[in-house]
Amino acid sequence: MSSPVDVYMADLSSALSGPRRRRADLMAEARDSLEDATEAYEAGGLQRVDAERSAVDDFGDLAEVVPGYRAELGIAQSRRTALLLFLVMIAQPLVWQEGAWAWTQQPEGTTPFLELLNRSVMVTGSLSIVGAVLAVVGTGLGLRYPWLRDRVARATAVFALVSAAAVGTIAVLMGWFSTELEGSNLAGLSIVGGFVLLPLLLVSYSAQRCLRLA
C-alpha cells in the first residue's frame, strides 16, 4: 500500500500544472518538508505510518495548500510568457527589414494604407518589447511581494494576448496587401504565417496557461 506521504504527493501533483521545472522544484521541496517532519515524529517515538500521517496533517489540507502553489506556478508561467513575447518581438525588425529579404522588397505601387500598417506594426512591436521587459521585471518582484504576484501574472497574460492579436492582425494585413501589389500568390501570407503567426500562437498559448494559473 502507498504511504500517506506518497498519497498526498500524488494528489498534490495531480492538482498542479505549469512550467515543468518550477513544478518539479516545488514538488521536491514539498516532499523534503514532509520527509523532515516524518523523521522528526519518528524520533519522537511514532511508527512510520503514524509519523507520515502527522506530517501530512501539519503540512495542510490540499484545499489550503494548492492555491499557494498555483500562484507560484502562475508567476513562473507569466515570466516565461513575457520572455517569449520579448524574443518574438525583438526578432521582427530583422525578419521585416526593408529590402533585406525577398519578401521585404519594396513593391512598386505602395499605398498609404500599407505605409500606415508598416508604421503601426513598428509602434505596436516596440510597445510589446517594452511591455515584455516590464513584465519580466514585474514577475521577478512578484516572487518577493505576494500582493503583487497575482496582479502581475494576470496583467502579463492579458498584455501578451493583446499584443499577439494586434501584431498578428497587422502582419496579416501587411502580407495580404503586399501580395496584392506584388502579385506573388500569397507568398507574403506564407511568410507572415511562419515568422509571425506561429510564434505568436506560442505566446498566446503560454499566456492562456498563465491565466488558468493566475
Protein backbone atom coordinates (compact mmCIF):
# COMPACT_ATOMS: atom_id res chain seq x y z
CA MET A 1 0.00 0.00 0.00
CA SER A 2 1.13 3.55 -0.69
CA SER A 3 2.31 5.54 2.29
CA PRO A 4 0.38 8.65 3.45
CA VAL A 5 3.15 10.88 2.12
CA ASP A 6 3.10 9.18 -1.29
CA VAL A 7 -0.68 9.51 -1.50
CA TYR A 8 -0.54 13.17 -0.52
CA MET A 9 2.21 13.92 -3.03
CA ALA A 10 0.32 12.13 -5.80
CA ASP A 11 -2.82 14.17 -5.06
CA LEU A 12 -0.78 17.38 -4.93
CA SER A 13 0.92 16.57 -8.22
CA SER A 14 -2.39 15.88 -9.99
CA ALA A 15 -3.77 19.21 -8.75
CA LEU A 16 -0.91 21.27 -10.17
CA SER A 17 0.07 22.23 -13.70
CA GLY A 18 2.53 24.75 -15.07
CA PRO A 19 6.18 25.07 -16.04
CA ARG A 20 7.76 21.65 -15.54
CA ARG A 21 10.98 22.80 -13.92
CA ARG A 22 9.32 25.06 -11.37
CA ARG A 23 6.66 22.44 -10.70
CA ALA A 24 9.35 19.80 -10.13
CA ASP A 25 11.18 22.15 -7.74
CA LEU A 26 8.01 22.80 -5.73
CA MET A 27 7.19 19.10 -5.55
CA ALA A 28 10.72 18.30 -4.39
CA GLU A 29 10.51 20.99 -1.71
CA ALA A 30 7.17 19.64 -0.51
CA ARG A 31 8.46 16.07 -0.30
CA ASP A 32 11.60 17.18 1.54
CA SER A 33 9.48 19.06 4.05
CA LEU A 34 7.23 16.04 4.60
CA GLU A 35 10.21 13.72 4.96
CA ASP A 36 11.83 16.02 7.52
CA ALA A 37 8.61 16.23 9.51
CA THR A 38 8.17 12.45 9.35
CA GLU A 39 11.68 11.87 10.66
CA ALA A 40 11.05 14.32 13.49
CA TYR A 41 7.87 12.47 14.53
CA GLU A 42 9.69 9.13 14.28
CA ALA A 43 12.40 10.48 16.54
CA GLY A 44 9.62 11.35 18.98
CA GLY A 45 8.51 7.73 19.13
CA LEU A 46 5.82 7.37 16.46
CA GLN A 47 5.72 4.49 14.00
CA ARG A 48 6.49 5.33 10.36
CA VAL A 49 2.89 5.37 9.13
CA ASP A 50 1.66 7.42 12.07
CA ALA A 51 4.60 9.79 11.65
CA GLU A 52 3.75 10.31 7.99
CA ARG A 53 0.08 10.95 8.82
CA SER A 54 1.10 13.57 11.37
CA ALA A 55 3.49 15.17 8.89
CA VAL A 56 0.74 15.35 6.25
CA ASP A 57 -1.70 16.86 8.76
CA ASP A 58 0.85 19.51 9.68
CA PHE A 59 1.57 20.30 6.03
CA GLY A 60 -2.04 21.23 5.44
CA ASP A 61 -5.14 20.21 3.55
CA LEU A 62 -4.82 20.30 -0.23
CA ALA A 63 -7.59 22.90 -0.46
CA GLU A 64 -5.36 25.24 1.55
CA VAL A 65 -2.01 24.29 0.02
CA VAL A 66 -2.82 24.13 -3.69
CA PRO A 67 -3.71 27.83 -4.21
CA GLY A 68 -0.29 28.92 -2.95
CA TYR A 69 1.49 26.51 -5.24
CA ARG A 70 -0.66 27.54 -8.17
CA ALA A 71 0.27 31.16 -7.54
CA GLU A 72 3.96 30.25 -7.63
CA LEU A 73 3.47 28.37 -10.89
CA GLY A 74 1.43 31.26 -12.28
CA ILE A 75 4.23 33.75 -11.73
CA ALA A 76 6.71 31.32 -13.32
CA GLN A 77 4.42 30.91 -16.34
CA SER A 78 3.94 34.67 -16.63
CA ARG A 79 7.69 35.20 -16.60
CA ARG A 80 8.07 32.60 -19.35
CA THR A 81 5.30 34.32 -21.32
CA ALA A 82 6.98 37.71 -21.00
CA LEU A 83 10.35 36.31 -22.14
CA LEU A 84 8.74 34.54 -25.08
CA LEU A 85 6.90 37.70 -26.15
CA PHE A 86 10.14 39.68 -25.92
CA LEU A 87 12.06 37.17 -28.05
CA VAL A 88 9.33 37.04 -30.70
CA MET A 89 9.04 40.82 -30.89
CA ILE A 90 12.77 41.53 -30.86
CA ALA A 91 13.19 39.26 -33.91
CA GLN A 92 10.55 41.02 -36.01
CA PRO A 93 12.66 44.03 -37.11
CA LEU A 94 15.20 41.60 -38.58
CA VAL A 95 12.52 39.48 -40.26
CA TRP A 96 10.86 42.54 -41.80
CA GLN A 97 13.93 44.66 -42.54
CA GLU A 98 13.07 46.52 -45.72
CA GLY A 99 14.96 45.26 -48.75
CA ALA A 100 16.96 42.67 -46.80
CA TRP A 101 14.98 39.64 -47.90
CA ALA A 102 12.93 38.58 -50.90
CA TRP A 103 9.68 39.15 -49.01
CA THR A 104 10.64 42.67 -47.86
CA GLN A 105 11.42 44.19 -51.22
CA GLN A 106 9.56 47.48 -51.62
CA PRO A 107 6.64 46.96 -54.03
CA GLU A 108 6.43 49.30 -56.99
CA GLY A 109 2.99 50.68 -56.16
CA THR A 110 2.94 51.00 -52.38
CA THR A 111 -0.13 52.64 -50.87
CA PRO A 112 -0.67 55.00 -47.93
CA PHE A 113 -2.58 52.20 -46.17
CA LEU A 114 0.37 49.83 -46.46
CA GLU A 115 2.70 52.51 -45.14
CA LEU A 116 0.31 53.05 -42.23
CA LEU A 117 0.35 49.33 -41.49
CA ASN A 118 4.13 49.31 -41.57
CA ARG A 119 4.32 52.17 -39.06
CA SER A 120 1.62 50.56 -36.93
CA VAL A 121 3.43 47.25 -36.63
CA MET A 122 6.65 49.05 -35.71
CA VAL A 123 4.92 51.03 -32.96
CA THR A 124 2.98 48.03 -31.68
CA GLY A 125 6.06 45.84 -31.74
CA SER A 126 8.11 48.43 -29.85
CA LEU A 127 5.41 48.77 -27.19
CA SER A 128 5.25 44.98 -26.90
CA ILE A 129 9.00 44.80 -26.34
CA VAL A 130 8.87 47.48 -23.64
CA GLY A 131 5.87 45.81 -22.02
CA ALA A 132 7.58 42.42 -22.07
CA VAL A 133 10.67 43.85 -20.36
CA LEU A 134 8.50 45.46 -17.68
CA ALA A 135 6.64 42.16 -17.24
CA VAL A 136 9.91 40.26 -16.73
CA VAL A 137 10.89 42.76 -14.03
CA GLY A 138 7.42 42.64 -12.50
CA THR A 139 7.30 38.86 -12.35
CA GLY A 140 10.69 38.88 -10.62
CA LEU A 141 9.37 41.29 -7.98
CA GLY A 142 6.22 39.20 -7.70
CA LEU A 143 8.25 36.40 -6.14
CA ARG A 144 9.21 38.77 -3.32
CA TYR A 145 5.91 40.58 -2.80
CA PRO A 146 2.83 38.30 -2.64
CA TRP A 147 0.42 41.23 -3.05
CA LEU A 148 1.96 41.88 -6.49
CA ARG A 149 2.15 38.27 -7.59
CA ASP A 150 -1.41 37.62 -8.76
CA ARG A 151 -1.82 41.05 -10.31
CA VAL A 152 1.36 40.96 -12.39
CA ALA A 153 0.74 37.40 -13.56
CA ARG A 154 -2.73 38.21 -14.88
CA ALA A 155 -1.62 41.55 -16.34
CA THR A 156 1.27 39.87 -18.16
CA ALA A 157 -1.03 37.25 -19.67
CA VAL A 158 -3.60 39.81 -20.85
CA PHE A 159 -0.90 42.09 -22.27
CA ALA A 160 0.69 39.19 -24.16
CA LEU A 161 -2.66 38.14 -25.65
CA VAL A 162 -3.50 41.70 -26.74
CA SER A 163 -0.01 42.20 -28.21
CA ALA A 164 -0.16 38.90 -30.09
CA ALA A 165 -3.60 39.70 -31.51
CA ALA A 166 -2.63 43.25 -32.56
CA VAL A 167 0.70 42.36 -34.15
CA GLY A 168 -0.73 39.26 -35.81
CA THR A 169 -3.63 41.18 -37.33
CA ILE A 170 -1.42 43.95 -38.67
CA ALA A 171 1.09 41.45 -40.04
CA VAL A 172 -1.64 39.53 -41.89
CA LEU A 173 -2.89 42.76 -43.45
CA MET A 174 0.65 43.70 -44.44
CA GLY A 175 1.22 40.30 -46.01
CA TRP A 176 -2.09 40.41 -47.84
CA PHE A 177 -1.72 43.88 -49.32
CA SER A 178 1.96 43.36 -50.17
CA THR A 179 0.90 40.24 -52.06
CA GLU A 180 -1.81 42.19 -53.84
CA LEU A 181 0.74 44.74 -55.05
CA GLU A 182 3.42 42.23 -55.99
CA GLY A 183 1.12 39.56 -57.41
CA SER A 184 3.09 36.76 -55.71
CA ASN A 185 0.36 34.20 -54.95
CA LEU A 186 0.05 34.67 -51.21
CA ALA A 187 3.81 34.41 -50.65
CA GLY A 188 3.58 37.29 -48.21
CA LEU A 189 0.96 35.47 -46.15
CA SER A 190 3.14 32.35 -46.06
CA ILE A 191 6.00 34.37 -44.60
CA VAL A 192 3.63 36.01 -42.11
CA GLY A 193 2.37 32.59 -41.04
CA GLY A 194 5.83 31.12 -40.48
CA PHE A 195 7.66 34.07 -38.95
CA VAL A 196 4.87 35.93 -37.15
CA LEU A 197 1.66 33.98 -36.57
CA LEU A 198 3.21 30.69 -35.46
CA PRO A 199 5.49 32.32 -32.84
CA LEU A 200 2.60 34.50 -31.66
CA LEU A 201 0.43 31.41 -31.27
CA LEU A 202 3.06 30.05 -28.89
CA VAL A 203 2.93 33.32 -26.96
CA SER A 204 -0.87 33.13 -26.80
CA TYR A 205 -0.79 29.51 -25.61
CA SER A 206 1.65 30.41 -22.84
CA ALA A 207 -0.49 33.40 -21.84
CA GLN A 208 -3.63 31.26 -21.67
CA ARG A 209 -1.84 28.79 -19.38
CA CYS A 210 -0.83 31.75 -17.24
CA LEU A 211 -4.45 32.92 -16.95
CA ARG A 212 -5.54 29.46 -15.84
CA LEU A 213 -2.99 29.58 -13.03
CA ALA A 214 -3.38 33.23 -12.02
